[in-house]
């Protein structure tokens, strides 16, 4: 009988231990569920383009007067217009500087909310991203060394060595000349292309008119050809299907109507 009591006591003890273990196992399951819920919340926030009340603008800050550095701060036409748009929409602007060629990818992947870098609207780019309404017009021009006769106009580029900033419309336009025998030298920055021209490594540089003026003013012995190379329109790029396009267009409309955009452009581009 005593043995039977001992056996029953042992069985009860084992049962209690098993029940306790199951209870703890249940708590472990709850912790896992909480962790999953937290991860899900984090992912949801990551999908929100303005989770922290910020909008990130992708740019290449070496394109004066549209975007460039003053000390540690990025300033310029695009920077100020973007800030005005963000104020209208109730967000803080954060500018992310990167290679021009990386801007569209950053917008597509969601690393940036929009791209603004003196970006021309082209059919090719429309395949990858959406564009807002245009906010200004621009002209592509040709920079050459003074006294050099090899490049006197656009037709001469077909047999020249041309410097361009990688991924820009200048790059896109002159790529057509490669079939005619032109050699294209591509640089991460417009300033690097201009330096190559000063050093005689390229015959000409194709770039936007306003940065061209700044580069020529900073580099003695360079000149801009009078004949424009191409006329184009600048707009803001946004991910395909993003509701930001409509919101930005609404802000742009107000900023055009109240004269803000004209005022910003005139601040940086003085009339000749």
Protein backbone atom coordinates (compact mmCIF):
# COMPACT_ATOMS: atom_id res chain seq x y z
CA UNK A 1 0.00 0.00 0.00
CA UNK A 2 2.83 2.28 0.88
CA UNK A 3 4.38 1.52 -2.49
CA UNK A 4 1.11 2.34 -4.25
CA UNK A 5 0.95 5.72 -2.47
CA UNK A 6 4.50 6.47 -3.55
CA UNK A 7 3.66 5.62 -7.15
CA UNK A 8 0.55 7.85 -7.10
CA UNK A 9 2.55 10.72 -5.62
CA UNK A 10 5.17 10.37 -8.33
CA UNK A 11 2.52 10.35 -11.06
CA UNK A 12 0.90 13.51 -9.62
CA UNK A 13 4.27 15.25 -9.43
CA UNK A 14 4.99 14.42 -13.06
CA UNK A 15 1.53 15.68 -14.07
CA UNK A 16 2.13 18.99 -12.27
CA UNK A 17 5.51 19.39 -13.96
CA UNK A 18 4.00 18.71 -17.39
CA UNK A 19 1.17 21.19 -16.81
CA UNK A 20 3.68 23.84 -15.73
CA UNK A 21 5.87 23.16 -18.76
CA UNK A 22 2.86 23.49 -21.07
CA UNK A 23 1.89 26.76 -19.40
CA UNK A 24 5.39 28.17 -19.93
CA UNK A 25 5.39 26.96 -23.51
CA UNK A 26 2.15 28.91 -24.01
CA UNK A 27 3.83 32.09 -22.75
CA UNK A 28 6.68 31.51 -25.15
CA UNK A 29 4.14 31.46 -27.98
CA UNK A 30 2.74 34.79 -26.83
CA UNK A 31 6.21 36.38 -26.89
CA UNK A 32 6.71 35.21 -30.48
CA UNK A 33 3.35 36.66 -31.49
CA UNK A 34 4.24 40.01 -29.92
CA UNK A 35 7.55 40.04 -31.77
CA UNK A 36 5.80 39.33 -35.07
CA UNK A 37 3.28 42.08 -34.39
CA UNK A 38 6.12 44.53 -33.70
CA UNK A 39 7.91 43.59 -36.91
CA UNK A 40 4.67 44.03 -38.85
CA UNK A 41 4.17 47.49 -37.37
CA UNK A 42 7.73 48.45 -38.28
CA UNK A 43 7.22 47.30 -41.85
CA UNK A 44 3.99 49.29 -42.07
CA UNK A 45 5.79 52.41 -40.92
CA UNK A 46 8.55 51.80 -43.44
CA UNK A 47 5.92 51.71 -46.18
CA UNK A 48 4.58 55.11 -45.08
CA UNK A 49 6.41 57.74 -47.13
CA UNK A 50 6.05 60.30 -44.37
CA UNK A 51 6.12 58.14 -41.23
CA UNK A 52 8.22 60.68 -39.34
CA UNK A 53 6.66 63.80 -40.82
CA UNK A 54 9.50 63.97 -43.35
CA UNK A 55 9.78 63.75 -47.12
CA UNK A 56 13.13 62.66 -48.55
CA UNK A 57 14.32 64.31 -51.75
CA UNK A 58 17.00 62.54 -53.80
CA UNK A 59 19.36 64.90 -55.62
CA UNK A 60 22.89 65.38 -56.91
CA UNK A 61 24.15 68.53 -55.23
CA UNK A 62 26.72 69.55 -57.82
CA UNK A 63 24.43 71.29 -60.28
CA UNK A 64 24.56 75.00 -59.48
CA UNK A 65 22.25 76.93 -59.33
CA UNK A 66 19.67 74.15 -58.97
CA UNK A 67 21.38 72.32 -56.10
CA UNK A 68 24.82 72.87 -54.60
CA UNK A 69 26.59 73.17 -51.27
CA UNK A 70 27.05 76.30 -49.20
CA UNK A 71 29.19 74.95 -46.38
CA UNK A 72 27.41 71.81 -45.19
CA UNK A 73 23.99 72.91 -46.44
CA UNK A 74 22.47 72.09 -49.83
CA UNK A 75 20.89 75.16 -51.39
CA UNK A 76 19.62 76.21 -54.81
CA UNK A 77 16.48 76.47 -56.91
CA UNK A 78 15.38 72.87 -56.47
CA UNK A 79 16.19 72.85 -52.75
CA UNK A 80 14.07 75.96 -52.11
CA UNK A 81 11.15 74.86 -54.28
CA UNK A 82 11.18 71.44 -52.59
CA UNK A 83 11.18 73.09 -49.17
CA UNK A 84 8.25 75.32 -50.17
CA UNK A 85 6.34 72.25 -51.40
CA UNK A 86 7.00 70.38 -48.15
CA UNK A 87 5.81 73.36 -46.11
CA UNK A 88 2.59 73.41 -48.13
CA UNK A 89 2.07 69.70 -47.50
CA UNK A 90 3.02 69.89 -43.82
CA UNK A 91 6.29 67.94 -43.94
CA UNK A 92 9.93 68.56 -43.14
CA UNK A 93 12.26 68.31 -46.13
CA UNK A 94 15.28 66.00 -45.92
CA UNK A 95 17.73 66.15 -48.84
CA UNK A 96 19.74 63.04 -49.70
CA UNK A 97 22.78 63.71 -51.91
CA UNK A 98 23.79 60.92 -54.31
CA UNK A 99 25.05 60.27 -57.83
CA UNK A 100 22.60 61.57 -60.41
CA UNK A 101 22.43 58.13 -61.96
CA UNK A 102 21.09 56.71 -58.65
CA UNK A 103 18.16 59.11 -58.17
CA UNK A 104 15.50 57.23 -60.15
CA UNK A 105 16.48 53.94 -58.50
CA UNK A 106 16.22 55.56 -55.05
CA UNK A 107 12.71 56.82 -55.85
CA UNK A 108 11.62 53.48 -57.33
CA UNK A 109 12.85 51.55 -54.28
CA UNK A 110 11.28 53.94 -51.76
CA UNK A 111 14.60 55.08 -50.31
CA UNK A 112 13.57 58.58 -51.40
CA UNK A 113 10.06 60.00 -51.71
CA UNK A 114 10.83 62.11 -54.76
CA UNK A 115 13.72 63.17 -56.95
CA UNK A 116 14.60 66.73 -57.91
CA UNK A 117 17.88 67.50 -59.62
CA UNK A 118 17.31 69.61 -62.70
CA UNK A 119 15.68 66.50 -64.12
CA UNK A 120 14.32 66.68 -67.64
CA UNK A 121 11.06 64.98 -68.59
CA UNK A 122 11.78 62.29 -71.19
CA UNK A 123 9.74 59.40 -72.58
CA UNK A 124 12.47 56.98 -71.51
CA UNK A 125 12.32 58.12 -67.89
CA UNK A 126 8.52 57.98 -67.91
CA UNK A 127 8.80 54.23 -68.33
CA UNK A 128 10.43 53.99 -64.89
CA UNK A 129 8.86 56.78 -62.83
CA UNK A 130 6.07 59.37 -62.88
CA UNK A 131 6.66 63.10 -63.33
CA UNK A 132 4.84 66.00 -61.75
CA UNK A 133 3.90 69.11 -63.68
CA UNK A 134 6.95 71.02 -64.89
CA UNK A 135 8.24 73.90 -62.80
CA UNK A 136 10.77 75.49 -65.18
CA UNK A 137 12.28 75.24 -68.66
CA UNK A 138 15.95 74.75 -69.41
CA UNK A 139 18.41 74.67 -72.31
CA UNK A 140 21.22 72.20 -72.93
CA UNK A 141 24.35 73.93 -74.25
CA UNK A 142 27.85 73.06 -75.40
CA UNK A 143 30.95 74.21 -73.52
CA UNK A 144 34.28 74.34 -75.41
CA UNK A 145 37.77 75.70 -74.86
CA UNK A 146 38.22 79.22 -76.18
CA UNK A 147 40.17 79.32 -79.42
CA UNK A 148 39.45 75.68 -80.29
CA UNK A 149 37.77 75.11 -83.66
CA UNK A 150 36.97 71.41 -83.52
CA UNK A 151 33.46 71.92 -82.13
CA UNK A 152 31.58 74.96 -83.48
CA UNK A 153 28.08 73.51 -83.25
CA UNK A 154 25.97 70.41 -82.57
CA UNK A 155 26.89 68.71 -85.84
CA UNK A 156 30.59 68.77 -84.93
CA UNK A 157 29.86 66.64 -81.86
CA UNK A 158 29.35 63.61 -84.11
CA UNK A 159 33.11 63.23 -84.52
CA UNK A 160 34.26 64.66 -81.17
CA UNK A 161 35.09 63.39 -77.71
CA UNK A 162 32.24 64.63 -75.52
CA UNK A 163 32.15 64.95 -71.75
CA UNK A 164 28.81 64.52 -69.95
CA UNK A 165 27.46 63.86 -66.48
CA UNK A 166 26.34 60.23 -66.32
CA UNK A 167 22.61 59.65 -66.59
CA UNK A 168 21.69 63.25 -67.50
CA UNK A 169 19.81 64.25 -70.63
CA UNK A 170 23.10 65.52 -72.02
CA UNK A 171 24.30 61.93 -71.76
CA UNK A 172 21.12 60.64 -73.39
CA UNK A 173 21.20 63.13 -76.26
CA UNK A 174 24.84 62.66 -77.27
CA UNK A 175 24.62 58.87 -77.06
CA UNK A 176 23.02 59.00 -80.50
CA UNK A 177 26.29 60.40 -81.88
CA UNK A 178 28.27 57.29 -80.93
CA UNK A 179 27.07 55.59 -84.11
CA UNK A 180 28.64 58.46 -86.08
CA UNK A 181 32.02 58.00 -84.41
CA UNK A 182 31.73 60.27 -81.36
CA UNK A 183 33.42 59.14 -78.16
CA UNK A 184 31.49 59.75 -74.95
CA UNK A 185 33.30 60.24 -71.64
CA UNK A 186 30.88 59.90 -68.72
CA UNK A 187 31.52 61.45 -65.29
CA UNK A 188 29.69 61.28 -61.95
CA UNK A 189 29.75 65.08 -61.66
CA UNK A 190 29.37 67.85 -64.21
CA UNK A 191 32.38 69.56 -62.63
CA UNK A 192 34.54 66.53 -63.46
CA UNK A 193 33.49 66.73 -67.11
CA UNK A 194 34.37 70.42 -67.20
CA UNK A 195 37.75 69.71 -65.59
CA UNK A 196 38.43 67.12 -68.29
CA UNK A 197 37.64 69.79 -70.90
CA UNK A 198 40.06 72.26 -69.27
CA UNK A 199 42.74 69.56 -69.32
CA UNK A 200 42.14 68.78 -73.00
CA UNK A 201 40.84 65.28 -72.33
CA UNK A 202 37.52 65.98 -74.09
CA UNK A 203 36.60 68.36 -76.92
CA UNK A 204 33.32 69.62 -75.49
CA UNK A 205 30.88 69.25 -72.60
CA UNK A 206 27.10 69.11 -73.02
CA UNK A 207 25.22 70.34 -69.95
CA UNK A 208 22.38 72.59 -68.76
CA UNK A 209 22.79 76.28 -69.50
CA UNK A 210 22.72 77.58 -65.91
CA UNK A 211 25.36 75.22 -64.48
CA UNK A 212 27.33 75.87 -67.68
CA UNK A 213 27.43 79.59 -66.87
CA UNK A 214 28.70 78.85 -63.37
CA UNK A 215 31.39 76.48 -64.64
CA UNK A 216 32.60 78.93 -67.27
CA UNK A 217 32.77 81.73 -64.68
CA UNK A 218 34.87 79.49 -62.43
CA UNK A 219 37.19 78.12 -65.14
CA UNK A 220 39.19 80.56 -67.25
CA UNK A 221 39.55 79.75 -70.94
CA UNK A 222 36.13 78.13 -71.46
CA UNK A 223 33.16 79.41 -73.45
CA UNK A 224 29.54 78.46 -74.19
CA UNK A 225 28.54 78.17 -77.84
CA UNK A 226 25.72 80.53 -78.79
CA UNK A 227 23.68 77.85 -80.52
CA UNK A 228 21.47 75.98 -77.97
CA UNK A 229 21.84 72.22 -78.12
CA UNK A 230 18.38 71.24 -76.82
CA UNK A 231 15.35 72.78 -75.08
CA UNK A 232 13.78 70.84 -72.23
CA UNK A 233 11.41 70.93 -69.24
CA UNK A 234 12.27 70.18 -65.60
CA UNK A 235 9.91 68.30 -63.29
CA UNK A 236 9.92 66.27 -60.07
CA UNK A 237 10.09 62.48 -60.32
CA UNK A 238 7.91 60.28 -58.10
CA UNK A 239 7.38 56.52 -57.87
CA UNK A 240 4.89 55.03 -60.31
CA UNK A 241 1.33 55.35 -59.04
CA UNK A 242 2.28 57.36 -55.93
CA UNK A 243 -0.40 59.68 -54.52
CA UNK A 244 2.44 62.17 -53.93
CA UNK A 245 2.21 63.19 -57.59
CA UNK A 246 -1.22 64.75 -57.13
CA UNK A 247 -0.26 66.32 -53.80
CA UNK A 248 2.93 67.87 -55.19
CA UNK A 249 1.07 69.12 -58.27
CA UNK A 250 -1.43 70.86 -56.00
CA UNK A 251 1.37 72.56 -54.08
CA UNK A 252 3.20 73.49 -57.30
CA UNK A 253 0.03 75.11 -58.67
CA UNK A 254 -0.30 77.30 -55.59
CA UNK A 255 3.39 78.22 -55.61
CA UNK A 256 3.20 79.20 -59.28
CA UNK A 257 0.08 81.27 -58.77
CA UNK A 258 1.41 83.18 -55.76
CA UNK A 259 4.74 83.92 -57.50
CA UNK A 260 6.91 81.87 -55.13
CA UNK A 261 8.54 79.75 -57.84
CA UNK A 262 9.33 82.78 -60.05
CA UNK A 263 10.82 84.53 -57.04
CA UNK A 264 13.05 81.55 -56.19
CA UNK A 265 14.28 81.18 -59.76
CA UNK A 266 15.04 84.91 -60.08
CA UNK A 267 16.97 84.76 -56.81
CA UNK A 268 19.45 82.32 -58.38
CA UNK A 269 19.27 83.21 -62.06
CA UNK A 270 19.86 86.87 -62.77
CA UNK A 271 18.45 88.25 -66.00
CA UNK A 272 21.12 89.00 -68.60
